[in-house]
Amino acid sequence: MKRNLVIVLSIVFMVATVYFYLRPGAPRFAVGSDKFLHFVGFFFGGLLFLLCSKIEVKGLIRISFFLFLVIGPTVLEYLQILSPYRHFDAVDIAFNYLGWMIPVLIFSFIWRSKLFS
C-alpha cells in the first residue's frame, strides 16, 4: 500500500511540476520571489525520491523519477521560452537542483554517520 502511494505521489509531483512550469499566464509574484517556490517544489521532489528509496520502489517509476529530477529542471526551464509571459532564468535551474539535492545530501550524511558510528 505504501509503495503504491509513493508511486502515485511521484507521478502527481511530475505532472504538477510540468503544469506549473509551462502553464500560460503572467506570474503573480514579485521578480525574484519565485526562487523560493522553485527550491521548495524540488525539495519535495527530493523527499519523495528518498521515500522511493526507503520503500524500495524499483523499476521504471524510480528511474523515471530520478531522470526527471536530473534532467527536468534544465529542460523545463528551456521550454518556458515557448510559454507566453515566461522566460528562461538560469538561477531557477540552480534553485531547482539545490531543492532536491539538499534533502538527499542531508540524508546521505546522516546515513553514513550512523553507518560508521
PDB file of N, CA and C in Angstrom:
ATOM      1  N   MET A   1       0.823  -1.199   0.000  1.00  0.00           N
ATOM      2  CA  MET A   1       0.000   0.000   0.000  1.00  0.00           C
ATOM      3  C   MET A   1       0.870   1.268   0.000  1.00  0.00           C
ATOM      4  N   LYS A   2       1.916   1.279   0.855  1.00  0.00           N
ATOM      5  CA  LYS A   2       2.813   2.438   0.908  1.00  0.00           C
ATOM      6  C   LYS A   2       3.491   2.647  -0.437  1.00  0.00           C
ATOM      7  N   ARG A   3       3.881   1.542  -1.036  1.00  0.00           N
ATOM      8  CA  ARG A   3       4.582   1.606  -2.321  1.00  0.00           C
ATOM      9  C   ARG A   3       3.693   2.259  -3.378  1.00  0.00           C
ATOM     10  N   ASN A   4       2.431   1.850  -3.431  1.00  0.00           N
ATOM     11  CA  ASN A   4       1.506   2.422  -4.410  1.00  0.00           C
ATOM     12  C   ASN A   4       1.276   3.912  -4.161  1.00  0.00           C
ATOM     13  N   LEU A   5       1.199   4.294  -2.891  1.00  0.00           N
ATOM     14  CA  LEU A   5       1.013   5.702  -2.549  1.00  0.00           C
ATOM     15  C   LEU A   5       2.211   6.537  -3.009  1.00  0.00           C
ATOM     16  N   VAL A   6       3.405   6.027  -2.788  1.00  0.00           N
ATOM     17  CA  VAL A   6       4.612   6.747  -3.213  1.00  0.00           C
ATOM     18  C   VAL A   6       4.665   6.850  -4.735  1.00  0.00           C
ATOM     19  N   ILE A   7       4.266   5.801  -5.424  1.00  0.00           N
ATOM     20  CA  ILE A   7       4.246   5.832  -6.888  1.00  0.00           C
ATOM     21  C   ILE A   7       3.268   6.893  -7.380  1.00  0.00           C
ATOM     22  N   VAL A   8       2.071   6.917  -6.797  1.00  0.00           N
ATOM     23  CA  VAL A   8       1.068   7.915  -7.192  1.00  0.00           C
ATOM     24  C   VAL A   8       1.569   9.326  -6.886  1.00  0.00           C
ATOM     25  N   LEU A   9       2.146   9.527  -5.707  1.00  0.00           N
ATOM     26  CA  LEU A   9       2.676  10.844  -5.344  1.00  0.00           C
ATOM     27  C   LEU A   9       3.786  11.284  -6.295  1.00  0.00           C
ATOM     28  N   SER A  10       4.634  10.349  -6.699  1.00  0.00           N
ATOM     29  CA  SER A  10       5.720  10.675  -7.631  1.00  0.00           C
ATOM     30  C   SER A  10       5.168  11.114  -8.982  1.00  0.00           C
ATOM     31  N   ILE A  11       4.172  10.404  -9.465  1.00  0.00           N
ATOM     32  CA  ILE A  11       3.566  10.761 -10.750  1.00  0.00           C
ATOM     33  C   ILE A  11       2.864  12.111 -10.653  1.00  0.00           C
ATOM     34  N   VAL A  12       2.122  12.321  -9.566  1.00  0.00           N
ATOM     35  CA  VAL A  12       1.439  13.606  -9.363  1.00  0.00           C
ATOM     36  C   VAL A  12       2.459  14.740  -9.284  1.00  0.00           C
ATOM     37  N   PHE A  13       3.570  14.512  -8.595  1.00  0.00           N
ATOM     38  CA  PHE A  13       4.619  15.533  -8.496  1.00  0.00           C
ATOM     39  C   PHE A  13       5.144  15.906  -9.874  1.00  0.00           C
ATOM     40  N   MET A  14       5.446  14.905 -10.699  1.00  0.00           N
ATOM     41  CA  MET A  14       5.998  15.186 -12.023  1.00  0.00           C
ATOM     42  C   MET A  14       4.992  15.938 -12.897  1.00  0.00           C
ATOM     43  N   VAL A  15       3.738  15.492 -12.884  1.00  0.00           N
ATOM     44  CA  VAL A  15       2.710  16.142 -13.704  1.00  0.00           C
ATOM     45  C   VAL A  15       2.467  17.574 -13.224  1.00  0.00           C
ATOM     46  N   ALA A  16       2.348  17.764 -11.911  1.00  0.00           N
ATOM     47  CA  ALA A  16       2.106  19.106 -11.364  1.00  0.00           C
ATOM     48  C   ALA A  16       3.276  20.042 -11.658  1.00  0.00           C
ATOM     49  N   THR A  17       4.492  19.535 -11.556  1.00  0.00           N
ATOM     50  CA  THR A  17       5.664  20.363 -11.833  1.00  0.00           C
ATOM     51  C   THR A  17       5.668  20.830 -13.284  1.00  0.00           C
ATOM     52  N   VAL A  18       5.403  19.915 -14.203  1.00  0.00           N
ATOM     53  CA  VAL A  18       5.360  20.288 -15.623  1.00  0.00           C
ATOM     54  C   VAL A  18       4.244  21.304 -15.861  1.00  0.00           C
ATOM     55  N   TYR A  19       3.080  21.076 -15.256  1.00  0.00           N
ATOM     56  CA  TYR A  19       1.956  22.001 -15.442  1.00  0.00           C
ATOM     57  C   TYR A  19       2.306  23.402 -14.948  1.00  0.00           C
ATOM     58  N   PHE A  20       2.788  23.512 -13.717  1.00  0.00           N
ATOM     59  CA  PHE A  20       3.069  24.832 -13.162  1.00  0.00           C
ATOM     60  C   PHE A  20       4.240  25.525 -13.861  1.00  0.00           C
ATOM     61  N   TYR A  21       5.134  24.746 -14.425  1.00  0.00           N
ATOM     62  CA  TYR A  21       6.252  25.328 -15.164  1.00  0.00           C
ATOM     63  C   TYR A  21       5.804  25.924 -16.489  1.00  0.00           C
ATOM     64  N   LEU A  22       4.897  25.232 -17.165  1.00  0.00           N
ATOM     65  CA  LEU A  22       4.591  25.589 -18.546  1.00  0.00           C
ATOM     66  C   LEU A  22       3.229  26.234 -18.750  1.00  0.00           C
ATOM     67  N   ARG A  23       2.437  26.368 -17.711  1.00  0.00           N
ATOM     68  CA  ARG A  23       1.107  26.957 -17.914  1.00  0.00           C
ATOM     69  C   ARG A  23       1.262  28.412 -18.357  1.00  0.00           C
ATOM     70  N   PRO A  24       0.413  28.811 -19.313  1.00  0.00           N
ATOM     71  CA  PRO A  24       0.500  30.196 -19.772  1.00  0.00           C
ATOM     72  C   PRO A  24      -0.091  31.146 -18.733  1.00  0.00           C
ATOM     73  N   GLY A  25       0.287  32.375 -18.825  1.00  0.00           N
ATOM     74  CA  GLY A  25      -0.231  33.380 -17.906  1.00  0.00           C
ATOM     75  C   GLY A  25       0.899  34.097 -17.208  1.00  0.00           C
ATOM     76  N   ALA A  26       0.621  35.318 -16.863  1.00  0.00           N
ATOM     77  CA  ALA A  26       1.633  36.134 -16.191  1.00  0.00           C
ATOM     78  C   ALA A  26       1.795  35.684 -14.748  1.00  0.00           C
ATOM     79  N   PRO A  27       3.019  35.492 -14.282  1.00  0.00           N
ATOM     80  CA  PRO A  27       3.238  35.142 -12.880  1.00  0.00           C
ATOM     81  C   PRO A  27       2.718  36.253 -11.969  1.00  0.00           C
ATOM     82  N   ARG A  28       2.231  35.858 -10.795  1.00  0.00           N
ATOM     83  CA  ARG A  28       1.621  36.822  -9.888  1.00  0.00           C
ATOM     84  C   ARG A  28       2.503  37.163  -8.696  1.00  0.00           C
ATOM     85  N   PHE A  29       3.795  36.953  -8.788  1.00  0.00           N
ATOM     86  CA  PHE A  29       4.667  37.304  -7.669  1.00  0.00           C
ATOM     87  C   PHE A  29       5.751  38.263  -8.129  1.00  0.00           C
ATOM     88  N   ALA A  30       6.387  38.843  -7.152  1.00  0.00           N
ATOM     89  CA  ALA A  30       7.445  39.814  -7.440  1.00  0.00           C
ATOM     90  C   ALA A  30       8.623  39.122  -8.115  1.00  0.00           C
ATOM     91  N   VAL A  31       9.336  39.871  -8.897  1.00  0.00           N
ATOM     92  CA  VAL A  31      10.509  39.332  -9.591  1.00  0.00           C
ATOM     93  C   VAL A  31      11.512  38.822  -8.559  1.00  0.00           C
ATOM     94  N   GLY A  32      11.958  37.595  -8.748  1.00  0.00           N
ATOM     95  CA  GLY A  32      12.940  37.002  -7.843  1.00  0.00           C
ATOM     96  C   GLY A  32      12.344  36.164  -6.737  1.00  0.00           C
ATOM     97  N   SER A  33      11.071  36.381  -6.408  1.00  0.00           N
ATOM     98  CA  SER A  33      10.480  35.618  -5.309  1.00  0.00           C
ATOM     99  C   SER A  33      10.140  34.193  -5.725  1.00  0.00           C
ATOM    100  N   ASP A  34      10.150  33.919  -7.017  1.00  0.00           N
ATOM    101  CA  ASP A  34       9.848  32.571  -7.474  1.00  0.00           C
ATOM    102  C   ASP A  34      10.976  31.586  -7.168  1.00  0.00           C
ATOM    103  N   LYS A  35      12.143  32.083  -6.820  1.00  0.00           N
ATOM    104  CA  LYS A  35      13.268  31.191  -6.500  1.00  0.00           C
ATOM    105  C   LYS A  35      12.924  30.297  -5.311  1.00  0.00           C
ATOM    106  N   PHE A  36      12.253  30.874  -4.327  1.00  0.00           N
ATOM    107  CA  PHE A  36      11.827  30.105  -3.159  1.00  0.00           C
ATOM    108  C   PHE A  36      10.866  28.994  -3.579  1.00  0.00           C
ATOM    109  N   LEU A  37       9.943  29.301  -4.495  1.00  0.00           N
ATOM    110  CA  LEU A  37       8.995  28.291  -4.968  1.00  0.00           C
ATOM    111  C   LEU A  37       9.705  27.183  -5.735  1.00  0.00           C
ATOM    112  N   HIS A  38      10.699  27.548  -6.527  1.00  0.00           N
ATOM    113  CA  HIS A  38      11.482  26.531  -7.240  1.00  0.00           C
ATOM    114  C   HIS A  38      12.186  25.618  -6.237  1.00  0.00           C
ATOM    115  N   PHE A  39      12.800  26.212  -5.231  1.00  0.00           N
ATOM    116  CA  PHE A  39      13.515  25.434  -4.221  1.00  0.00           C
ATOM    117  C   PHE A  39      12.562  24.502  -3.479  1.00  0.00           C
ATOM    118  N   VAL A  40      11.451  25.029  -2.995  1.00  0.00           N
ATOM    119  CA  VAL A  40      10.508  24.233  -2.202  1.00  0.00           C
ATOM    120  C   VAL A  40       9.889  23.122  -3.039  1.00  0.00           C
ATOM    121  N   GLY A  41       9.523  23.439  -4.273  1.00  0.00           N
ATOM    122  CA  GLY A  41       8.929  22.420  -5.138  1.00  0.00           C
ATOM    123  C   GLY A  41       9.850  21.234  -5.349  1.00  0.00           C
ATOM    124  N   PHE A  42      11.094  21.503  -5.655  1.00  0.00           N
ATOM    125  CA  PHE A  42      12.030  20.409  -5.877  1.00  0.00           C
ATOM    126  C   PHE A  42      12.540  19.808  -4.572  1.00  0.00           C
ATOM    127  N   PHE A  43      12.434  20.534  -3.455  1.00  0.00           N
ATOM    128  CA  PHE A  43      12.749  19.963  -2.145  1.00  0.00           C
ATOM    129  C   PHE A  43      11.800  18.797  -1.869  1.00  0.00           C
ATOM    130  N   PHE A  44      10.508  18.998  -2.162  1.00  0.00           N
ATOM    131  CA  PHE A  44       9.547  17.909  -2.001  1.00  0.00           C
ATOM    132  C   PHE A  44       9.862  16.764  -2.959  1.00  0.00           C
ATOM    133  N   GLY A  45      10.372  17.096  -4.139  1.00  0.00           N
ATOM    134  CA  GLY A  45      10.803  16.055  -5.064  1.00  0.00           C
ATOM    135  C   GLY A  45      11.943  15.233  -4.494  1.00  0.00           C
ATOM    136  N   GLY A  46      12.891  15.899  -3.834  1.00  0.00           N
ATOM    137  CA  GLY A  46      13.994  15.187  -3.181  1.00  0.00           C
ATOM    138  C   GLY A  46      13.503  14.294  -2.054  1.00  0.00           C
ATOM    139  N   LEU A  47      12.544  14.800  -1.274  1.00  0.00           N
ATOM    140  CA  LEU A  47      11.971  13.977  -0.201  1.00  0.00           C
ATOM    141  C   LEU A  47      11.234  12.769  -0.763  1.00  0.00           C
ATOM    142  N   LEU A  48      10.507  12.974  -1.854  1.00  0.00           N
ATOM    143  CA  LEU A  48       9.816  11.849  -2.492  1.00  0.00           C
ATOM    144  C   LEU A  48      10.807  10.820  -3.020  1.00  0.00           C
ATOM    145  N   PHE A  49      11.916  11.294  -3.577  1.00  0.00           N
ATOM    146  CA  PHE A  49      12.933  10.364  -4.066  1.00  0.00           C
ATOM    147  C   PHE A  49      13.507   9.542  -2.915  1.00  0.00           C
ATOM    148  N   LEU A  50      13.746  10.186  -1.776  1.00  0.00           N
ATOM    149  CA  LEU A  50      14.225   9.456  -0.599  1.00  0.00           C
ATOM    150  C   LEU A  50      13.198   8.435  -0.135  1.00  0.00           C
ATOM    151  N   LEU A  51      11.932   8.812  -0.182  1.00  0.00           N
ATOM    152  CA  LEU A  51      10.865   7.890   0.199  1.00  0.00           C
ATOM    153  C   LEU A  51      10.816   6.704  -0.760  1.00  0.00           C
ATOM    154  N   CYS A  52      11.003   6.972  -2.049  1.00  0.00           N
ATOM    155  CA  CYS A  52      11.068   5.881  -3.036  1.00  0.00           C
ATOM    156  C   CYS A  52      12.206   4.925  -2.696  1.00  0.00           C
ATOM    157  N   SER A  53      13.328   5.469  -2.284  1.00  0.00           N
ATOM    158  CA  SER A  53      14.483   4.639  -1.942  1.00  0.00           C
ATOM    159  C   SER A  53      14.225   3.833  -0.682  1.00  0.00           C
ATOM    160  N   LYS A  54      13.624   4.462   0.322  1.00  0.00           N
ATOM    161  CA  LYS A  54      13.378   3.785   1.595  1.00  0.00           C
ATOM    162  C   LYS A  54      12.367   2.656   1.443  1.00  0.00           C
ATOM    163  N   ILE A  55      11.313   2.903   0.674  1.00  0.00           N
ATOM    164  CA  ILE A  55      10.270   1.894   0.495  1.00  0.00           C
ATOM    165  C   ILE A  55      10.673   0.891  -0.587  1.00  0.00           C
ATOM    166  N   GLU A  56      11.780   1.156  -1.229  1.00  0.00           N
ATOM    167  CA  GLU A  56      12.331   0.284  -2.264  1.00  0.00           C
ATOM    168  C   GLU A  56      11.430   0.191  -3.487  1.00  0.00           C
ATOM    169  N   VAL A  57      10.994   1.354  -3.965  1.00  0.00           N
ATOM    170  CA  VAL A  57      10.286   1.414  -5.237  1.00  0.00           C
ATOM    171  C   VAL A  57      11.332   1.185  -6.316  1.00  0.00           C
ATOM    172  N   LYS A  58      11.072   0.210  -7.163  1.00  0.00           N
ATOM    173  CA  LYS A  58      12.056  -0.152  -8.182  1.00  0.00           C
ATOM    174  C   LYS A  58      11.441  -0.029  -9.565  1.00  0.00           C
ATOM    175  N   GLY A  59      12.267  -0.166 -10.544  1.00  0.00           N
ATOM    176  CA  GLY A  59      11.794  -0.236 -11.911  1.00  0.00           C
ATOM    177  C   GLY A  59      11.629   1.101 -12.582  1.00  0.00           C
ATOM    178  N   LEU A  60      10.693   1.120 -13.510  1.00  0.00           N
ATOM    179  CA  LEU A  60      10.509   2.260 -14.392  1.00  0.00           C
ATOM    180  C   LEU A  60      10.155   3.541 -13.645  1.00  0.00           C
ATOM    181  N   ILE A  61       9.322   3.464 -12.622  1.00  0.00           N
ATOM    182  CA  ILE A  61       8.904   4.682 -11.927  1.00  0.00           C
ATOM    183  C   ILE A  61      10.085   5.335 -11.212  1.00  0.00           C
ATOM    184  N   ARG A  62      10.930   4.545 -10.590  1.00  0.00           N
ATOM    185  CA  ARG A  62      12.081   5.119  -9.880  1.00  0.00           C
ATOM    186  C   ARG A  62      13.082   5.727 -10.860  1.00  0.00           C
ATOM    187  N   ILE A  63      13.338   5.030 -11.944  1.00  0.00           N
ATOM    188  CA  ILE A  63      14.248   5.551 -12.963  1.00  0.00           C
ATOM    189  C   ILE A  63      13.677   6.821 -13.583  1.00  0.00           C
ATOM    190  N   SER A  64      12.383   6.798 -13.904  1.00  0.00           N
ATOM    191  CA  SER A  64      11.736   7.976 -14.490  1.00  0.00           C
ATOM    192  C   SER A  64      11.793   9.158 -13.542  1.00  0.00           C
ATOM    193  N   PHE A  65      11.526   8.908 -12.271  1.00  0.00           N
ATOM    194  CA  PHE A  65      11.526   9.985 -11.285  1.00  0.00           C
ATOM    195  C   PHE A  65      12.929  10.562 -11.118  1.00  0.00           C
ATOM    196  N   PHE A  66      13.930   9.692 -11.057  1.00  0.00           N
ATOM    197  CA  PHE A  66      15.310  10.161 -10.937  1.00  0.00           C
ATOM    198  C   PHE A  66      15.715  10.985 -12.162  1.00  0.00           C
ATOM    199  N   LEU A  67      15.382  10.490 -13.352  1.00  0.00           N
ATOM    200  CA  LEU A  67      15.707  11.238 -14.572  1.00  0.00           C
ATOM    201  C   LEU A  67      14.983  12.580 -14.611  1.00  0.00           C
ATOM    202  N   PHE A  68      13.746  12.603 -14.098  1.00  0.00           N
ATOM    203  CA  PHE A  68      13.009  13.861 -14.040  1.00  0.00           C
ATOM    204  C   PHE A  68      13.732  14.863 -13.148  1.00  0.00           C
ATOM    205  N   LEU A  69      14.238  14.399 -12.006  1.00  0.00           N
ATOM    206  CA  LEU A  69      14.954  15.297 -11.095  1.00  0.00           C
ATOM    207  C   LEU A  69      16.281  15.766 -11.681  1.00  0.00           C
ATOM    208  N   VAL A  70      16.930  14.919 -12.463  1.00  0.00           N
ATOM    209  CA  VAL A  70      18.243  15.263 -13.019  1.00  0.00           C
ATOM    210  C   VAL A  70      18.120  16.117 -14.287  1.00  0.00           C
ATOM    211  N   ILE A  71      17.228  15.728 -15.184  1.00  0.00           N
ATOM    212  CA  ILE A  71      17.111  16.400 -16.475  1.00  0.00           C
ATOM    213  C   ILE A  71      16.009  17.461 -16.477  1.00  0.00           C
ATOM    214  N   GLY A  72      14.959  17.219 -15.719  1.00  0.00           N
ATOM    215  CA  GLY A  72      13.776  18.073 -15.733  1.00  0.00           C
ATOM    216  C   GLY A  72      14.009  19.554 -15.519  1.00  0.00           C
ATOM    217  N   PRO A  73      14.777  19.953 -14.502  1.00  0.00           N
ATOM    218  CA  PRO A  73      14.943  21.391 -14.268  1.00  0.00           C
ATOM    219  C   PRO A  73      15.476  22.154 -15.480  1.00  0.00           C
ATOM    220  N   THR A  74      16.439  21.585 -16.156  1.00  0.00           N
ATOM    221  CA  THR A  74      17.025  22.262 -17.313  1.00  0.00           C
ATOM    222  C   THR A  74      16.061  22.263 -18.499  1.00  0.00           C
ATOM    223  N   VAL A  75      15.477  21.111 -18.791  1.00  0.00           N
ATOM    224  CA  VAL A  75      14.560  21.010 -19.930  1.00  0.00           C
ATOM    225  C   VAL A  75      13.344  21.909 -19.726  1.00  0.00           C
ATOM    226  N   LEU A  76      12.760  21.874 -18.529  1.00  0.00           N
ATOM    227  CA  LEU A  76      11.576  22.695 -18.267  1.00  0.00           C
ATOM    228  C   LEU A  76      11.888  24.187 -18.353  1.00  0.00           C
ATOM    229  N   GLU A  77      13.054  24.569 -17.907  1.00  0.00           N
ATOM    230  CA  GLU A  77      13.413  25.986 -17.971  1.00  0.00           C
ATOM    231  C   GLU A  77      13.558  26.435 -19.424  1.00  0.00           C
ATOM    232  N   TYR A  78      14.147  25.587 -20.267  1.00  0.00           N
ATOM    233  CA  TYR A  78      14.247  25.938 -21.682  1.00  0.00           C
ATOM    234  C   TYR A  78      12.871  25.954 -22.348  1.00  0.00           C
ATOM    235  N   LEU A  79      11.978  25.049 -21.946  1.00  0.00           N
ATOM    236  CA  LEU A  79      10.633  25.023 -22.522  1.00  0.00           C
ATOM    237  C   LEU A  79       9.810  26.248 -22.135  1.00  0.00           C
ATOM    238  N   GLN A  80      10.181  26.912 -21.049  1.00  0.00           N
ATOM    239  CA  GLN A  80       9.458  28.122 -20.657  1.00  0.00           C
ATOM    240  C   GLN A  80       9.571  29.218 -21.707  1.00  0.00           C
ATOM    241  N   ILE A  81      10.588  29.159 -22.522  1.00  0.00           N
ATOM    242  CA  ILE A  81      10.750  30.144 -23.594  1.00  0.00           C
ATOM    243  C   ILE A  81       9.542  30.099 -24.529  1.00  0.00           C
ATOM    244  N   LEU A  82       8.941  28.914 -24.679  1.00  0.00           N
ATOM    245  CA  LEU A  82       7.806  28.740 -25.582  1.00  0.00           C
ATOM    246  C   LEU A  82       6.479  29.160 -24.962  1.00  0.00           C
ATOM    247  N   SER A  83       6.433  29.353 -23.653  1.00  0.00           N
ATOM    248  CA  SER A  83       5.190  29.716 -22.965  1.00  0.00           C
ATOM    249  C   SER A  83       5.047  31.237 -22.894  1.00  0.00           C
ATOM    250  N   PRO A  84       3.828  31.731 -23.133  1.00  0.00           N
ATOM    251  CA  PRO A  84       3.624  33.181 -23.023  1.00  0.00           C
ATOM    252  C   PRO A  84       3.893  33.684 -21.604  1.00  0.00           C
ATOM    253  N   TYR A  85       4.470  34.854 -21.486  1.00  0.00           N
ATOM    254  CA  TYR A  85       4.789  35.522 -20.221  1.00  0.00           C
ATOM    255  C   TYR A  85       5.857  34.794 -19.406  1.00  0.00           C
ATOM    256  N   ARG A  86       6.507  33.821 -19.978  1.00  0.00           N
ATOM    257  CA  ARG A  86       7.565  33.086 -19.278  1.00  0.00           C
ATOM    258  C   ARG A  86       8.893  33.375 -19.955  1.00  0.00           C
ATOM    259  N   HIS A  87       9.981  33.169 -19.217  1.00  0.00           N
ATOM    260  CA  HIS A  87      11.304  33.384 -19.788  1.00  0.00           C
ATOM    261  C   HIS A  87      12.306  32.450 -19.115  1.00  0.00           C
ATOM    262  N   PHE A  88      13.419  32.270 -19.773  1.00  0.00           N
ATOM    263  CA  PHE A  88      14.492  31.423 -19.262  1.00  0.00           C
ATOM    264  C   PHE A  88      15.232  32.162 -18.152  1.00  0.00           C
ATOM    265  N   ASP A  89      15.542  31.433 -17.073  1.00  0.00           N
ATOM    266  CA  ASP A  89      16.331  32.006 -15.978  1.00  0.00           C
ATOM    267  C   ASP A  89      17.230  30.906 -15.417  1.00  0.00           C
ATOM    268  N   ALA A  90      18.521  31.031 -15.643  1.00  0.00           N
ATOM    269  CA  ALA A  90      19.477  30.011 -15.192  1.00  0.00           C
ATOM    270  C   ALA A  90      19.494  29.875 -13.673  1.00  0.00           C
ATOM    271  N   VAL A  91      19.184  30.937 -12.957  1.00  0.00           N
ATOM    272  CA  VAL A  91      19.171  30.871 -11.491  1.00  0.00           C
ATOM    273  C   VAL A  91      18.048  29.949 -11.012  1.00  0.00           C
ATOM    274  N   ASP A  92      16.924  29.915 -11.748  1.00  0.00           N
ATOM    275  CA  ASP A  92      15.843  28.982 -11.410  1.00  0.00           C
ATOM    276  C   ASP A  92      16.342  27.539 -11.461  1.00  0.00           C
ATOM    277  N   ILE A  93      17.151  27.241 -12.455  1.00  0.00           N
ATOM    278  CA  ILE A  93      17.704  25.886 -12.582  1.00  0.00           C
ATOM    279  C   ILE A  93      18.544  25.556 -11.353  1.00  0.00           C
ATOM    280  N   ALA A  94      19.364  26.488 -10.928  1.00  0.00           N
ATOM    281  CA  ALA A  94      20.210  26.264  -9.747  1.00  0.00           C
ATOM    282  C   ALA A  94      19.363  26.005  -8.504  1.00  0.00           C
ATOM    283  N   PHE A  95      18.298  26.774  -8.310  1.00  0.00           N
ATOM    284  CA  PHE A  95      17.445  26.570  -7.142  1.00  0.00           C
ATOM    285  C   PHE A  95      16.683  25.250  -7.221  1.00  0.00           C
ATOM    286  N   ASN A  96      16.333  24.816  -8.425  1.00  0.00           N
ATOM    287  CA  ASN A  96      15.695  23.506  -8.577  1.00  0.00           C
ATOM    288  C   ASN A  96      16.645  22.391  -8.136  1.00  0.00           C
ATOM    289  N   TYR A  97      17.881  22.457  -8.627  1.00  0.00           N
ATOM    290  CA  TYR A  97      18.850  21.425  -8.257  1.00  0.00           C
ATOM    291  C   TYR A  97      19.169  21.464  -6.767  1.00  0.00           C
ATOM    292  N   LEU A  98      19.325  22.657  -6.219  1.00  0.00           N
ATOM    293  CA  LEU A  98      19.553  22.766  -4.772  1.00  0.00           C
ATOM    294  C   LEU A  98      18.380  22.180  -4.000  1.00  0.00           C
ATOM    295  N   GLY A  99      17.184  22.431  -4.491  1.00  0.00           N
ATOM    296  CA  GLY A  99      15.986  21.954  -3.815  1.00  0.00           C
ATOM    297  C   GLY A  99      15.952  20.452  -3.631  1.00  0.00           C
ATOM    298  N   TRP A 100      16.285  19.693  -4.652  1.00  0.00           N
ATOM    299  CA  TRP A 100      16.202  18.242  -4.480  1.00  0.00           C
ATOM    300  C   TRP A 100      17.503  17.636  -3.959  1.00  0.00           C
ATOM    301  N   MET A 101      18.623  18.326  -4.157  1.00  0.00           N
ATOM    302  CA  MET A 101      19.894  17.760  -3.702  1.00  0.00           C
ATOM    303  C   MET A 101      20.118  17.931  -2.201  1.00  0.00           C
ATOM    304  N   ILE A 102      19.622  18.994  -1.619  1.00  0.00           N
ATOM    305  CA  ILE A 102      19.850  19.224  -0.187  1.00  0.00           C
ATOM    306  C   ILE A 102      19.252  18.116   0.675  1.00  0.00           C
ATOM    307  N   PRO A 103      17.970  17.718   0.503  1.00  0.00           N
ATOM    308  CA  PRO A 103      17.489  16.614   1.347  1.00  0.00           C
ATOM    309  C   PRO A 103      18.235  15.306   1.088  1.00  0.00           C
ATOM    310  N   VAL A 104      18.610  15.063  -0.164  1.00  0.00           N
ATOM    311  CA  VAL A 104      19.344  13.836  -0.480  1.00  0.00           C
ATOM    312  C   VAL A 104      20.722  13.850   0.181  1.00  0.00           C
ATOM    313  N   LEU A 105      21.420  14.981   0.132  1.00  0.00           N
ATOM    314  CA  LEU A 105      22.744  15.075   0.762  1.00  0.00           C
ATOM    315  C   LEU A 105      22.654  14.986   2.286  1.00  0.00           C
ATOM    316  N   ILE A 106      21.658  15.626   2.878  1.00  0.00           N
ATOM    317  CA  ILE A 106      21.484  15.547   4.336  1.00  0.00           C
ATOM    318  C   ILE A 106      21.213  14.113   4.760  1.00  0.00           C
ATOM    319  N   PHE A 107      20.318  13.432   4.038  1.00  0.00           N
ATOM    320  CA  PHE A 107      20.019  12.042   4.359  1.00  0.00           C
ATOM    321  C   PHE A 107      21.263  11.174   4.199  1.00  0.00           C
ATOM    322  N   SER A 108      22.022  11.392   3.132  1.00  0.00           N
ATOM    323  CA  SER A 108      23.242  10.603   2.909  1.00  0.00           C
ATOM    324  C   SER A 108      24.244  10.817   4.035  1.00  0.00           C
ATOM    325  N   PHE A 109      24.401  12.058   4.473  1.00  0.00           N
ATOM    326  CA  PHE A 109      25.319  12.367   5.567  1.00  0.00           C
ATOM    327  C   PHE A 109      24.870  11.677   6.858  1.00  0.00           C
ATOM    328  N   ILE A 110      23.591  11.759   7.175  1.00  0.00           N
ATOM    329  CA  ILE A 110      23.064  11.121   8.394  1.00  0.00           C
ATOM    330  C   ILE A 110      23.224   9.612   8.309  1.00  0.00           C
ATOM    331  N   TRP A 111      22.918   9.035   7.150  1.00  0.00           N
ATOM    332  CA  TRP A 111      23.006   7.587   6.986  1.00  0.00           C
ATOM    333  C   TRP A 111      24.454   7.115   7.136  1.00  0.00           C
ATOM    334  N   ARG A 112      25.391   7.846   6.537  1.00  0.00           N
ATOM    335  CA  ARG A 112      26.802   7.455   6.643  1.00  0.00           C
ATOM    336  C   ARG A 112      27.340   7.643   8.048  1.00  0.00           C
ATOM    337  N   SER A 113      26.893   8.679   8.751  1.00  0.00           N
ATOM    338  CA  SER A 113      27.367   8.881  10.121  1.00  0.00           C
ATOM    339  C   SER A 113      26.851   7.771  11.036  1.00  0.00           C
ATOM    340  N   LYS A 114      25.654   7.279  10.784  1.00  0.00           N
ATOM    341  CA  LYS A 114      25.130   6.152  11.573  1.00  0.00           C
ATOM    342  C   LYS A 114      25.854   4.864  11.209  1.00  0.00           C
ATOM    343  N   LEU A 115      26.208   4.734   9.948  1.00  0.00           N
ATOM    344  CA  LEU A 115      26.884   3.532   9.475  1.00  0.00           C
ATOM    345  C   LEU A 115      28.260   3.385  10.104  1.00  0.00           C
ATOM    346  N   PHE A 116      28.973   4.496  10.275  1.00  0.00           N
ATOM    347  CA  PHE A 116      30.333   4.447  10.795  1.00  0.00           C
ATOM    348  C   PHE A 116      30.435   4.665  12.298  1.00  0.00           C
ATOM    349  N   SER A 117      29.309   4.820  12.983  1.00  0.00           N
ATOM    350  CA  SER A 117      29.392   5.028  14.438  1.00  0.00           C
ATOM    351  C   SER A 117      29.132   3.756  15.209  1.00  0.00           C
TER     352      SER A 117
END
